[in-house]
N, C-alpha and C. Protein backbone atom coordinates (compact mmCIF):
# COMPACT_ATOMS: atom_id res chain seq x y z
N MET A 1 6.65 -21.51 9.76
CA MET A 1 4.85 -23.11 9.67
C MET A 1 4.57 -22.70 10.78
N THR A 2 3.53 -23.37 10.44
CA THR A 2 2.16 -23.56 11.47
C THR A 2 0.96 -23.83 11.15
N HIS A 3 0.07 -24.85 12.32
CA HIS A 3 -0.73 -24.78 11.95
C HIS A 3 -1.96 -24.53 12.74
N ALA A 4 -1.56 -23.76 13.73
CA ALA A 4 -2.33 -23.16 15.50
C ALA A 4 -1.75 -22.63 15.38
N PHE A 5 -2.52 -21.49 16.59
CA PHE A 5 -2.60 -20.36 17.02
C PHE A 5 -3.12 -20.25 18.02
N SER A 6 -1.95 -19.97 19.53
CA SER A 6 -2.62 -19.96 20.30
C SER A 6 -1.56 -18.15 21.55
N PRO A 7 -1.58 -18.07 22.31
CA PRO A 7 -0.92 -17.00 22.82
C PRO A 7 0.10 -17.71 23.76
N PRO A 8 1.22 -16.90 23.46
CA PRO A 8 2.04 -17.57 24.63
C PRO A 8 1.52 -17.59 25.15
N SER A 9 2.54 -18.54 25.56
CA SER A 9 2.52 -19.81 27.36
C SER A 9 3.26 -18.66 28.49
N SER A 10 3.25 -18.44 29.60
CA SER A 10 3.70 -17.68 30.43
C SER A 10 5.06 -18.18 30.64
N LYS A 11 4.20 -19.96 30.99
CA LYS A 11 5.34 -20.66 31.36
C LYS A 11 7.14 -20.85 30.66
N LEU A 12 6.41 -20.95 28.86
CA LEU A 12 7.78 -20.83 27.89
C LEU A 12 8.97 -19.29 28.56
N PRO A 13 10.19 -19.66 27.87
CA PRO A 13 11.17 -19.05 29.07
C PRO A 13 10.55 -17.59 27.75
N ALA A 14 11.60 -16.42 28.14
CA ALA A 14 11.50 -15.19 28.03
C ALA A 14 11.63 -15.23 26.62
N ALA A 15 13.20 -16.32 25.92
CA ALA A 15 13.60 -15.22 25.10
C ALA A 15 12.81 -16.34 24.22
N GLU A 16 12.35 -17.36 24.76
CA GLU A 16 11.28 -17.64 22.71
C GLU A 16 9.86 -16.90 22.84
N LEU A 17 9.56 -15.53 23.70
CA LEU A 17 8.44 -14.78 23.42
C LEU A 17 9.16 -14.46 22.49
N VAL A 18 9.84 -14.55 22.47
CA VAL A 18 9.97 -12.86 21.40
C VAL A 18 10.30 -12.97 20.55
N LEU A 19 10.23 -12.28 19.57
CA LEU A 19 10.70 -12.29 17.77
C LEU A 19 10.57 -11.26 16.92
N ARG A 20 11.78 -10.71 16.38
CA ARG A 20 12.03 -9.30 16.08
C ARG A 20 12.94 -9.66 14.36
N ILE A 21 12.58 -8.53 13.99
CA ILE A 21 13.99 -8.36 12.71
C ILE A 21 14.96 -8.27 13.11
N ILE A 22 15.80 -9.10 12.90
CA ILE A 22 17.41 -8.94 12.70
C ILE A 22 18.30 -7.73 12.43
N ALA A 23 17.94 -7.09 10.67
CA ALA A 23 18.80 -6.61 10.40
C ALA A 23 17.28 -5.88 9.16
N GLY A 24 18.37 -5.01 8.46
CA GLY A 24 17.79 -4.07 7.94
C GLY A 24 17.02 -3.18 8.28
N LYS A 25 15.89 -2.60 7.12
CA LYS A 25 15.00 -0.81 7.66
C LYS A 25 13.79 -1.18 8.76
N HIS A 26 13.58 -2.02 9.30
CA HIS A 26 12.75 -2.48 10.14
C HIS A 26 13.72 -3.14 11.54
N ARG A 27 14.76 -3.04 11.47
CA ARG A 27 14.96 -3.82 11.89
C ARG A 27 15.68 -3.46 14.00
N GLY A 28 15.39 -4.39 14.71
CA GLY A 28 14.81 -4.63 16.09
C GLY A 28 13.61 -4.60 15.87
N ARG A 29 12.47 -4.84 15.38
CA ARG A 29 10.91 -4.37 15.27
C ARG A 29 10.36 -6.30 15.76
N LYS A 30 9.95 -5.50 16.86
CA LYS A 30 8.54 -6.98 17.54
C LYS A 30 8.33 -7.54 16.87
N LEU A 31 7.65 -8.99 16.48
CA LEU A 31 6.92 -9.56 15.64
C LEU A 31 6.06 -10.58 16.43
N THR A 32 5.08 -10.09 16.50
CA THR A 32 3.60 -11.61 16.88
C THR A 32 4.09 -12.82 16.76
N PRO A 33 4.46 -14.05 17.43
CA PRO A 33 5.47 -14.91 17.55
C PRO A 33 4.16 -16.45 17.42
N LEU A 34 4.35 -16.81 17.14
CA LEU A 34 2.64 -18.58 16.82
C LEU A 34 3.78 -19.22 17.59
N LEU A 35 2.69 -19.08 18.64
CA LEU A 35 3.67 -20.08 20.39
C LEU A 35 2.78 -21.07 20.77
N ASP A 36 3.26 -22.00 20.56
CA ASP A 36 2.04 -23.60 21.16
C ASP A 36 3.14 -25.03 20.95
N GLY A 37 2.23 -25.63 21.54
CA GLY A 37 2.48 -27.21 21.11
C GLY A 37 2.46 -27.89 20.03
N ASN A 38 2.64 -27.40 18.68
CA ASN A 38 2.25 -27.38 17.08
C ASN A 38 3.55 -26.86 16.37
N ILE A 39 4.07 -25.65 17.32
CA ILE A 39 4.32 -24.42 16.85
C ILE A 39 6.03 -24.68 16.68
N ARG A 40 6.51 -24.68 16.07
CA ARG A 40 8.39 -24.31 15.43
C ARG A 40 8.58 -23.21 15.08
N PRO A 41 9.05 -22.35 15.41
CA PRO A 41 9.26 -20.46 14.50
C PRO A 41 10.96 -21.44 14.00
N THR A 42 10.92 -21.04 12.97
CA THR A 42 12.84 -21.18 12.89
C THR A 42 13.06 -19.95 13.94
N ALA A 43 14.72 -20.43 14.96
CA ALA A 43 15.16 -20.03 15.66
C ALA A 43 15.93 -18.54 15.06
N GLY A 44 16.35 -17.33 16.17
CA GLY A 44 16.98 -16.39 15.52
C GLY A 44 17.98 -16.53 15.09
N ARG A 45 18.59 -17.64 15.86
CA ARG A 45 20.34 -17.40 15.19
C ARG A 45 20.30 -18.64 13.62
N ALA A 46 19.02 -19.04 13.24
CA ALA A 46 19.54 -20.44 12.75
C ALA A 46 18.47 -19.03 11.79
N ARG A 47 17.80 -18.05 11.54
CA ARG A 47 17.62 -16.56 10.33
C ARG A 47 18.44 -16.31 10.10
N GLU A 48 19.37 -15.61 11.63
CA GLU A 48 20.37 -15.23 10.99
C GLU A 48 22.04 -15.35 9.71
N ALA A 49 22.41 -16.79 10.22
CA ALA A 49 22.49 -17.48 9.30
C ALA A 49 22.32 -17.49 7.99
N VAL A 50 20.74 -17.81 7.41
CA VAL A 50 20.33 -18.04 6.62
C VAL A 50 20.25 -17.21 5.75
N PHE A 51 20.50 -15.92 6.49
CA PHE A 51 20.55 -14.62 5.53
C PHE A 51 21.97 -14.19 5.51
N ASN A 52 22.94 -14.17 6.30
CA ASN A 52 24.54 -13.88 6.44
C ASN A 52 24.84 -14.85 4.83
N ILE A 53 24.14 -16.25 4.65
CA ILE A 53 24.69 -17.33 3.35
C ILE A 53 24.17 -16.23 2.35
N LEU A 54 22.40 -15.80 2.05
CA LEU A 54 22.23 -15.34 1.16
C LEU A 54 22.75 -13.89 0.84
N ALA A 55 23.12 -13.40 1.80
CA ALA A 55 24.30 -12.20 1.95
C ALA A 55 25.89 -12.61 0.50
N HIS A 56 26.15 -13.18 1.23
CA HIS A 56 27.40 -13.20 1.09
C HIS A 56 27.85 -14.68 0.56
N ALA A 57 27.22 -15.91 0.18
CA ALA A 57 26.95 -16.71 -0.57
C ALA A 57 28.22 -16.81 -1.90
N ALA A 58 28.76 -17.76 -2.46
CA ALA A 58 29.41 -17.81 -3.71
C ALA A 58 28.86 -18.02 -4.57
N PHE A 59 27.16 -18.60 -4.79
CA PHE A 59 26.63 -18.82 -5.38
C PHE A 59 25.63 -17.94 -5.84
N ALA A 60 25.83 -16.65 -5.46
CA ALA A 60 25.54 -15.62 -6.00
C ALA A 60 25.75 -14.41 -5.81
N LEU A 61 25.92 -13.17 -7.18
CA LEU A 61 26.27 -12.01 -7.41
C LEU A 61 26.87 -11.01 -6.30
N ARG A 62 25.86 -10.76 -5.73
CA ARG A 62 25.12 -10.40 -4.69
C ARG A 62 23.87 -10.77 -3.92
N PRO A 63 23.72 -10.19 -2.33
CA PRO A 63 22.48 -10.20 -1.86
C PRO A 63 20.97 -10.83 -2.14
N VAL A 64 21.52 -12.48 -2.10
CA VAL A 64 19.97 -13.20 -2.49
C VAL A 64 18.91 -12.11 -2.64
N TYR A 65 18.52 -11.50 -1.76
CA TYR A 65 17.04 -10.82 -1.44
C TYR A 65 17.39 -9.42 -1.78
N GLU A 66 18.44 -8.73 -1.62
CA GLU A 66 18.17 -7.86 -2.20
C GLU A 66 17.27 -7.27 -4.07
N ASP A 67 16.39 -6.73 -3.87
CA ASP A 67 15.25 -6.85 -4.37
C ASP A 67 14.74 -7.33 -5.46
N ALA A 68 14.69 -8.62 -4.59
CA ALA A 68 13.89 -9.98 -5.04
C ALA A 68 12.51 -9.96 -4.89
N ILE A 69 12.04 -10.61 -5.66
CA ILE A 69 10.42 -11.62 -5.42
C ILE A 69 10.74 -12.18 -4.70
N VAL A 70 9.90 -12.29 -3.52
CA VAL A 70 10.02 -13.42 -2.37
C VAL A 70 8.73 -14.06 -2.01
N LEU A 71 8.45 -15.60 -2.25
CA LEU A 71 7.16 -15.92 -1.96
C LEU A 71 7.82 -17.45 -0.12
N ASP A 72 6.92 -16.67 0.73
CA ASP A 72 7.39 -17.36 1.95
C ASP A 72 6.14 -18.62 1.85
N ALA A 73 6.40 -19.76 1.92
CA ALA A 73 5.90 -21.34 1.94
C ALA A 73 5.99 -21.45 3.22
N PHE A 74 4.51 -21.64 3.87
CA PHE A 74 4.24 -22.40 5.06
C PHE A 74 4.40 -21.03 6.21
N ALA A 75 4.11 -19.25 5.42
CA ALA A 75 4.76 -18.44 6.17
C ALA A 75 4.32 -18.75 7.44
N GLY A 76 3.38 -18.48 8.69
CA GLY A 76 3.54 -18.92 9.70
C GLY A 76 2.72 -17.16 10.00
N SER A 77 4.21 -16.76 10.70
CA SER A 77 4.81 -15.69 11.34
C SER A 77 4.67 -14.63 10.56
N GLY A 78 5.25 -15.23 9.63
CA GLY A 78 5.12 -14.41 8.14
C GLY A 78 7.08 -14.27 8.69
N ALA A 79 8.27 -14.42 9.98
CA ALA A 79 9.32 -13.88 9.88
C ALA A 79 10.46 -14.06 8.51
N LEU A 80 10.29 -15.00 8.14
CA LEU A 80 11.99 -14.90 7.27
C LEU A 80 11.11 -14.09 5.97
N GLY A 81 9.83 -14.24 5.25
CA GLY A 81 9.46 -13.56 3.72
C GLY A 81 9.49 -11.45 4.64
N LEU A 82 9.58 -11.52 6.15
CA LEU A 82 9.34 -9.93 6.38
C LEU A 82 10.92 -9.28 6.86
N GLU A 83 12.01 -10.80 6.79
CA GLU A 83 13.36 -10.52 7.14
C GLU A 83 13.88 -10.61 5.29
N ALA A 84 13.27 -10.52 5.09
CA ALA A 84 14.02 -10.17 3.75
C ALA A 84 13.59 -9.19 2.78
N LEU A 85 12.06 -8.95 3.35
CA LEU A 85 11.71 -7.35 2.67
C LEU A 85 12.20 -6.19 3.82
N SER A 86 12.86 -6.53 5.21
CA SER A 86 13.42 -5.22 5.77
C SER A 86 15.32 -4.98 5.05
N ARG A 87 15.55 -5.99 4.27
CA ARG A 87 16.99 -6.43 4.64
C ARG A 87 17.02 -5.65 2.80
N GLY A 88 15.28 -5.23 1.60
CA GLY A 88 16.16 -4.70 0.63
C GLY A 88 14.74 -5.23 -0.56
N ALA A 89 14.36 -6.85 -0.06
CA ALA A 89 12.91 -7.53 -1.20
C ALA A 89 12.25 -6.26 -1.60
N ARG A 90 12.39 -6.84 -3.28
CA ARG A 90 11.06 -5.59 -3.24
C ARG A 90 9.73 -6.00 -3.33
N PHE A 91 8.79 -7.54 -2.76
CA PHE A 91 7.37 -7.83 -2.53
C PHE A 91 7.29 -9.37 -2.29
N VAL A 92 6.74 -9.68 -1.30
CA VAL A 92 6.54 -10.64 -1.07
C VAL A 92 5.38 -11.36 -0.56
N SER A 93 5.25 -12.98 -0.89
CA SER A 93 4.03 -13.40 -0.85
C SER A 93 3.85 -14.52 0.06
N PHE A 94 2.99 -14.47 1.11
CA PHE A 94 3.25 -14.92 1.80
C PHE A 94 1.64 -15.91 1.77
N MET A 95 2.35 -17.71 2.03
CA MET A 95 1.29 -18.62 1.57
C MET A 95 0.93 -19.49 3.22
N GLU A 96 0.03 -19.33 3.23
CA GLU A 96 -0.53 -19.78 4.68
C GLU A 96 -1.85 -20.29 4.70
N ARG A 97 -2.48 -21.82 5.31
CA ARG A 97 -3.89 -22.15 4.93
C ARG A 97 -4.30 -22.39 6.27
N ASP A 98 -3.47 -21.47 7.23
CA ASP A 98 -4.80 -21.90 8.62
C ASP A 98 -4.98 -20.28 8.99
N ARG A 99 -5.98 -20.07 9.16
CA ARG A 99 -6.77 -18.80 8.95
C ARG A 99 -6.49 -18.44 10.23
N ALA A 100 -6.18 -18.64 11.56
CA ALA A 100 -5.54 -17.86 12.85
C ALA A 100 -3.78 -17.34 12.14
N ALA A 101 -3.48 -18.10 11.94
CA ALA A 101 -2.06 -18.17 11.49
C ALA A 101 -2.19 -16.68 10.71
N ARG A 102 -2.62 -16.72 8.90
CA ARG A 102 -2.65 -15.17 8.55
C ARG A 102 -3.64 -13.84 8.88
N ALA A 103 -4.01 -14.48 10.36
CA ALA A 103 -4.35 -13.25 11.24
C ALA A 103 -3.75 -12.37 11.58
N VAL A 104 -2.86 -13.17 12.88
CA VAL A 104 -1.10 -13.01 12.76
C VAL A 104 -0.02 -12.40 11.84
N LEU A 105 -0.06 -12.75 10.37
CA LEU A 105 0.51 -12.48 10.28
C LEU A 105 0.03 -11.69 9.12
N THR A 106 -1.06 -10.86 9.55
CA THR A 106 -1.70 -9.91 9.43
C THR A 106 -1.50 -8.83 9.89
N VAL A 107 -1.28 -8.93 11.44
CA VAL A 107 -0.87 -8.30 12.00
C VAL A 107 1.08 -7.52 12.41
N ASN A 108 1.54 -8.62 11.40
CA ASN A 108 2.71 -8.92 11.63
C ASN A 108 3.69 -7.55 10.00
N ILE A 109 2.28 -7.63 9.26
CA ILE A 109 3.45 -7.05 7.87
C ILE A 109 2.24 -5.56 8.30
N ALA A 110 1.31 -4.68 9.09
CA ALA A 110 0.59 -4.03 9.39
C ALA A 110 1.58 -3.54 10.31
N ALA A 111 2.01 -4.22 11.41
CA ALA A 111 3.06 -3.46 12.35
C ALA A 111 4.26 -2.80 11.69
N LEU A 112 4.44 -3.60 10.18
CA LEU A 112 5.57 -3.32 9.31
C LEU A 112 5.30 -1.76 8.43
N GLY A 113 4.05 -1.76 8.53
CA GLY A 113 3.98 -1.36 7.61
C GLY A 113 4.18 -1.25 6.04
N ALA A 114 3.82 -2.47 5.89
CA ALA A 114 4.38 -3.22 4.82
C ALA A 114 3.39 -4.14 3.99
N GLU A 115 2.00 -3.00 3.65
CA GLU A 115 0.64 -3.85 3.23
C GLU A 115 1.03 -3.72 2.23
N ARG A 116 1.81 -2.78 1.12
CA ARG A 116 1.77 -2.45 0.04
C ARG A 116 2.79 -3.06 -0.44
N GLN A 117 3.70 -3.86 0.10
CA GLN A 117 5.26 -4.48 -0.77
C GLN A 117 4.70 -5.95 -0.43
N THR A 118 3.28 -6.40 0.27
CA THR A 118 3.04 -8.09 0.43
C THR A 118 1.78 -8.35 -0.32
N ALA A 119 1.45 -9.59 -0.40
CA ALA A 119 -0.12 -9.92 -0.28
C ALA A 119 0.10 -11.58 0.37
N ILE A 120 -0.80 -11.73 1.11
CA ILE A 120 -1.06 -13.19 1.84
C ILE A 120 -2.22 -14.22 1.07
N LEU A 121 -1.77 -15.05 1.24
CA LEU A 121 -2.17 -16.61 0.57
C LEU A 121 -3.13 -17.04 0.81
N SER A 122 -4.56 -17.32 1.17
CA SER A 122 -4.61 -18.75 1.59
C SER A 122 -5.11 -19.79 1.19
N ALA A 123 -3.75 -20.67 0.89
CA ALA A 123 -3.25 -21.57 0.05
C ALA A 123 -2.56 -22.58 0.76
N ASP A 124 -2.75 -23.60 0.37
CA ASP A 124 -1.57 -24.60 0.66
C ASP A 124 0.07 -25.23 -0.67
N ALA A 125 0.44 -25.42 0.09
CA ALA A 125 2.13 -24.92 -0.34
C ALA A 125 2.12 -26.32 -1.50
N LEU A 126 1.75 -27.49 -0.80
CA LEU A 126 1.35 -28.17 -1.51
C LEU A 126 0.16 -28.57 -2.46
N ARG A 127 -0.62 -28.20 -2.85
CA ARG A 127 -1.61 -27.37 -3.85
C ARG A 127 -0.96 -26.03 -4.12
N PRO A 128 -0.23 -26.10 -4.43
CA PRO A 128 -0.73 -23.81 -4.47
C PRO A 128 -1.79 -23.32 -5.90
N PRO A 129 -2.05 -22.40 -5.57
CA PRO A 129 -2.46 -21.83 -6.62
C PRO A 129 -1.40 -21.46 -8.46
N ARG A 130 -1.89 -21.28 -9.60
CA ARG A 130 -1.23 -20.92 -10.26
C ARG A 130 -0.27 -18.93 -9.84
N ALA A 131 0.56 -19.80 -9.98
CA ALA A 131 1.72 -17.78 -9.84
C ALA A 131 0.98 -17.17 -10.80
N ALA A 132 0.88 -15.67 -10.07
CA ALA A 132 1.16 -14.29 -10.26
C ALA A 132 2.16 -13.84 -11.04
N ALA A 133 2.38 -14.03 -9.77
CA ALA A 133 4.99 -13.51 -9.72
C ALA A 133 5.53 -14.09 -9.68
N PRO A 134 6.45 -15.47 -10.43
CA PRO A 134 7.06 -15.98 -10.16
C PRO A 134 8.41 -15.23 -9.47
N ALA A 135 8.82 -15.72 -8.18
CA ALA A 135 9.05 -15.13 -6.92
C ALA A 135 11.31 -15.81 -7.44
N SER A 136 11.83 -15.16 -7.30
CA SER A 136 13.30 -15.43 -7.58
C SER A 136 14.01 -15.44 -5.77
N LEU A 137 13.29 -15.78 -4.96
CA LEU A 137 13.91 -16.65 -3.80
C LEU A 137 12.53 -17.02 -3.05
N VAL A 138 12.47 -17.92 -2.64
CA VAL A 138 11.38 -18.82 -2.00
C VAL A 138 12.31 -19.45 -0.51
N PHE A 139 11.60 -19.10 0.94
CA PHE A 139 10.99 -19.89 1.98
C PHE A 139 10.59 -21.43 1.92
N VAL A 140 11.12 -22.39 2.26
CA VAL A 140 9.92 -23.23 2.38
C VAL A 140 10.36 -23.70 3.77
N ASP A 141 9.56 -23.71 4.29
CA ASP A 141 9.54 -24.89 6.18
C ASP A 141 8.35 -24.81 6.64
N PRO A 142 8.25 -26.09 6.31
CA PRO A 142 6.78 -26.57 6.44
C PRO A 142 7.32 -27.86 8.29
N PRO A 143 6.43 -28.29 8.90
CA PRO A 143 6.00 -28.53 9.76
C PRO A 143 7.76 -29.48 9.70
N TYR A 144 8.37 -30.59 11.55
CA TYR A 144 9.51 -31.04 11.10
C TYR A 144 8.71 -32.34 11.12
N ALA A 145 7.67 -32.43 10.78
CA ALA A 145 6.72 -33.72 11.86
C ALA A 145 6.11 -34.29 10.29
N GLU A 146 6.06 -33.43 9.44
CA GLU A 146 5.81 -34.06 7.58
C GLU A 146 7.20 -33.95 7.23
N ASP A 147 7.35 -34.61 6.10
CA ASP A 147 8.45 -34.80 4.82
C ASP A 147 7.97 -34.29 3.67
N TRP A 148 7.44 -32.91 3.94
CA TRP A 148 6.49 -31.64 2.73
C TRP A 148 7.58 -31.84 2.29
N VAL A 149 8.31 -31.37 1.98
CA VAL A 149 10.06 -30.00 1.48
C VAL A 149 9.91 -30.11 -0.39
N VAL A 150 9.87 -31.68 -0.32
CA VAL A 150 10.42 -31.59 -1.79
C VAL A 150 8.73 -32.23 -2.22
N PRO A 151 8.24 -32.47 -1.92
CA PRO A 151 6.61 -32.66 -2.74
C PRO A 151 6.19 -30.65 -2.52
N ALA A 152 6.31 -30.28 -2.17
CA ALA A 152 6.33 -28.60 -1.67
C ALA A 152 7.30 -27.58 -2.76
N LEU A 153 8.31 -27.94 -3.21
CA LEU A 153 9.00 -27.85 -3.21
C LEU A 153 9.01 -27.82 -5.33
N ALA A 154 8.21 -29.50 -5.82
CA ALA A 154 7.59 -29.18 -6.61
C ALA A 154 6.43 -28.62 -7.08
N ALA A 155 5.59 -28.66 -6.24
CA ALA A 155 4.41 -27.96 -6.63
C ALA A 155 4.51 -26.87 -6.91
N LEU A 156 5.71 -26.21 -6.05
CA LEU A 156 5.40 -24.62 -6.25
C LEU A 156 5.89 -24.29 -7.99
N ALA A 157 7.31 -25.30 -7.96
CA ALA A 157 7.81 -25.41 -9.87
C ALA A 157 6.34 -25.34 -10.37
N ALA A 158 5.63 -26.27 -10.49
CA ALA A 158 4.84 -26.59 -11.14
C ALA A 158 3.95 -25.70 -11.72
N ALA A 159 3.12 -25.39 -10.82
CA ALA A 159 2.75 -24.08 -10.81
C ALA A 159 3.27 -22.82 -11.01
N GLY A 160 4.64 -22.60 -11.30
CA GLY A 160 5.29 -21.25 -11.69
C GLY A 160 5.40 -20.89 -10.83
N TRP A 161 5.67 -20.82 -9.42
CA TRP A 161 5.97 -19.83 -8.27
C TRP A 161 7.81 -19.44 -8.51
N LEU A 162 8.61 -20.34 -9.27
CA LEU A 162 10.30 -20.05 -9.27
C LEU A 162 10.46 -19.26 -10.81
N GLN A 163 10.98 -18.35 -10.84
CA GLN A 163 12.03 -17.91 -11.79
C GLN A 163 12.86 -18.83 -11.86
N PRO A 164 13.63 -18.94 -13.35
CA PRO A 164 14.87 -19.50 -14.00
C PRO A 164 15.43 -18.92 -13.02
N GLU A 165 16.38 -20.17 -12.22
CA GLU A 165 17.30 -19.51 -11.83
C GLU A 165 17.12 -19.05 -10.08
N ALA A 166 16.25 -19.18 -10.11
CA ALA A 166 15.28 -18.80 -8.56
C ALA A 166 16.32 -19.25 -7.77
N VAL A 167 16.53 -19.42 -6.08
CA VAL A 167 17.08 -19.65 -4.75
C VAL A 167 16.31 -20.27 -4.01
N ALA A 168 16.07 -21.60 -3.56
CA ALA A 168 14.65 -21.68 -2.79
C ALA A 168 15.31 -21.77 -1.37
N VAL A 169 15.20 -21.71 -0.28
CA VAL A 169 16.03 -22.22 1.04
C VAL A 169 14.22 -23.03 1.88
N ALA A 170 15.46 -24.37 2.08
CA ALA A 170 14.13 -25.08 2.98
C ALA A 170 14.68 -25.64 4.59
N GLU A 171 14.04 -25.79 5.18
CA GLU A 171 14.48 -26.06 5.95
C GLU A 171 13.46 -27.17 6.68
N LEU A 172 13.74 -27.98 7.98
CA LEU A 172 13.40 -29.42 7.84
C LEU A 172 14.33 -30.10 9.11
N SER A 173 14.21 -30.82 9.27
CA SER A 173 14.80 -31.40 10.76
C SER A 173 16.09 -31.69 10.49
N ALA A 174 16.15 -31.99 11.01
CA ALA A 174 18.35 -32.55 10.78
C ALA A 174 18.28 -33.52 10.64
N LYS A 175 17.01 -34.95 11.12
CA LYS A 175 17.11 -35.77 10.88
C LYS A 175 16.88 -36.30 9.53
N ARG A 176 16.75 -35.06 8.51
CA ARG A 176 15.82 -36.43 7.91
C ARG A 176 16.94 -35.18 6.47
N ASP A 177 16.86 -36.20 5.40
CA ASP A 177 17.51 -36.28 4.26
C ASP A 177 16.69 -36.10 2.88
N LEU A 178 17.17 -34.99 1.99
CA LEU A 178 16.34 -33.99 1.50
C LEU A 178 17.21 -34.44 -0.24
N ALA A 179 16.54 -35.47 -1.08
CA ALA A 179 16.64 -35.75 -1.98
C ALA A 179 16.04 -34.37 -3.31
N PRO A 180 16.26 -33.73 -3.59
CA PRO A 180 15.98 -32.73 -4.56
C PRO A 180 15.06 -32.91 -5.70
N PRO A 181 13.82 -32.27 -5.75
CA PRO A 181 12.92 -32.47 -6.98
C PRO A 181 13.45 -32.19 -8.38
N ALA A 182 13.11 -33.03 -9.20
CA ALA A 182 13.42 -32.31 -10.65
C ALA A 182 13.32 -30.37 -10.91
N GLY A 183 14.28 -30.69 -11.88
CA GLY A 183 14.67 -29.02 -11.89
C GLY A 183 15.87 -28.58 -10.52
N PHE A 184 15.90 -28.90 -9.51
CA PHE A 184 16.19 -28.20 -8.51
C PHE A 184 17.26 -29.16 -7.97
N THR A 185 18.72 -28.58 -7.44
CA THR A 185 19.89 -28.49 -7.86
C THR A 185 20.72 -28.43 -6.14
N GLN A 186 20.86 -28.77 -5.78
CA GLN A 186 21.47 -28.56 -4.39
C GLN A 186 22.72 -27.66 -4.42
N LEU A 187 22.71 -26.17 -3.56
CA LEU A 187 24.01 -25.43 -3.64
C LEU A 187 24.60 -25.45 -1.96
N ASP A 188 24.36 -25.51 -0.87
CA ASP A 188 24.73 -25.85 0.20
C ASP A 188 23.69 -26.75 1.40
N GLU A 189 23.92 -26.79 2.32
CA GLU A 189 23.35 -27.42 3.64
C GLU A 189 24.47 -27.33 4.81
N ARG A 190 23.42 -27.06 5.43
CA ARG A 190 23.94 -26.50 6.75
C ARG A 190 23.56 -26.99 8.16
N ARG A 191 23.13 -27.55 9.49
CA ARG A 191 23.10 -27.77 10.97
C ARG A 191 22.66 -26.69 11.62
N TYR A 192 21.61 -26.20 12.32
CA TYR A 192 21.54 -25.53 13.38
C TYR A 192 20.71 -25.93 14.94
N GLY A 193 21.43 -26.70 15.17
CA GLY A 193 20.62 -27.94 16.82
C GLY A 193 19.91 -28.69 15.14
N ALA A 194 18.23 -28.56 16.00
CA ALA A 194 17.65 -29.47 15.43
C ALA A 194 17.00 -29.47 13.69
N ALA A 195 17.78 -28.41 13.30
CA ALA A 195 17.21 -27.90 11.97
C ALA A 195 18.36 -28.22 10.66
N LYS A 196 17.69 -28.93 9.74
CA LYS A 196 19.12 -28.77 9.00
C LYS A 196 18.34 -27.25 7.52
N ILE A 197 19.05 -26.64 7.07
CA ILE A 197 19.08 -25.82 5.99
C ILE A 197 19.42 -25.51 4.80
N VAL A 198 19.01 -26.47 4.30
CA VAL A 198 19.44 -26.50 2.37
C VAL A 198 19.26 -25.73 1.13
N PHE A 199 19.94 -24.77 0.70
CA PHE A 199 19.63 -23.65 -0.14
C PHE A 199 20.22 -24.38 -1.74
N LEU A 200 18.95 -24.31 -2.93
CA LEU A 200 18.81 -25.53 -3.76
C LEU A 200 18.84 -23.92 -4.89
N ARG A 201 18.80 -24.11 -6.72
CA ARG A 201 18.44 -23.72 -7.32
C ARG A 201 18.00 -24.41 -8.31
N TYR A 202 17.32 -23.45 -8.88
CA TYR A 202 15.81 -24.07 -9.84
C TYR A 202 16.57 -23.80 -11.14
N SER A 203 15.99 -24.77 -11.78
CA SER A 203 16.49 -24.99 -12.99
C SER A 203 15.14 -25.07 -13.91
N ALA A 204 14.55 -24.10 -14.94
CA ALA A 204 13.11 -24.79 -15.17
C ALA A 204 13.88 -25.27 -16.47
N ALA A 205 14.71 -25.85 -17.00
CA ALA A 205 15.16 -26.21 -18.31
C ALA A 205 15.15 -27.98 -17.53
N THR A 206 16.15 -27.95 -16.47
CA THR A 206 16.69 -29.20 -16.80
C THR A 206 15.75 -29.68 -15.74
N ALA A 207 14.14 -29.30 -14.98
CA ALA A 207 13.24 -30.36 -14.84
C ALA A 207 12.28 -30.42 -16.38
N ALA A 208 12.38 -29.88 -16.68
CA ALA A 208 11.58 -30.11 -18.39
C ALA A 208 12.50 -31.71 -18.90
N VAL A 209 13.60 -31.62 -18.81
CA VAL A 209 14.57 -32.67 -19.16
C VAL A 209 13.97 -33.56 -18.45
N SER A 210 14.25 -33.46 -17.61
CA SER A 210 14.18 -34.46 -16.18
C SER A 210 12.87 -35.07 -16.52
N ILE A 211 11.80 -34.24 -16.80
CA ILE A 211 10.47 -34.73 -17.00
C ILE A 211 10.33 -35.34 -18.27
N THR A 212 10.83 -35.09 -18.91
CA THR A 212 11.07 -35.79 -20.86
C THR A 212 12.08 -36.98 -20.75
N GLY A 213 12.44 -37.71 -20.00
CA GLY A 213 13.01 -38.43 -20.23
C GLY A 213 12.10 -39.67 -19.63
N ARG A 214 11.80 -38.86 -18.23
CA ARG A 214 10.74 -39.98 -17.23
C ARG A 214 9.20 -40.43 -18.44
N SER A 215 9.48 -40.24 -19.48
CA SER A 215 8.60 -39.87 -19.87
C SER A 215 8.48 -40.78 -21.21
């Protein structure tokens, strides 16, 4: 997630300036971070925990990211999508509306030599374009200050970005509650410091029934 980019400040602790791929074929590779007063990259500890859950969760027969088509919405530096790619995802689409963030994302993709397995979309997850390839795994990580998780999930589903039975991973402030939109069922919820991570399953059939019931 990001809406601005500036070079890392020398006043920040050294640990906050380092962004690395945690596991997989690109393990240990450094990524260019997005750090300024408006940036909140997913902490390494939380990112590792998310992928451990995706690897071993009772709601999946195998690691969710294996051979997955992935969408990283509010992509920022692309750390979540690139982590999935490193661990065996087939293809990742990054959705990011900020031009400076997309420039950093381009650098990170090039650093991993992943141009053929990725696409960068200049788009807003709240008003997404129609999907060319629906995803089986979706990351939604908007700014904590904005209550955008639910409308983004609904908009992405309406635009065809989620396959039937896709898993969505949403990150939001631990102070916020999440009421899943039509078609989504909560699978798990974890807290890591200021972050709440919610895992959801999407069912197009459930969404259709819910919409019909309201008409």
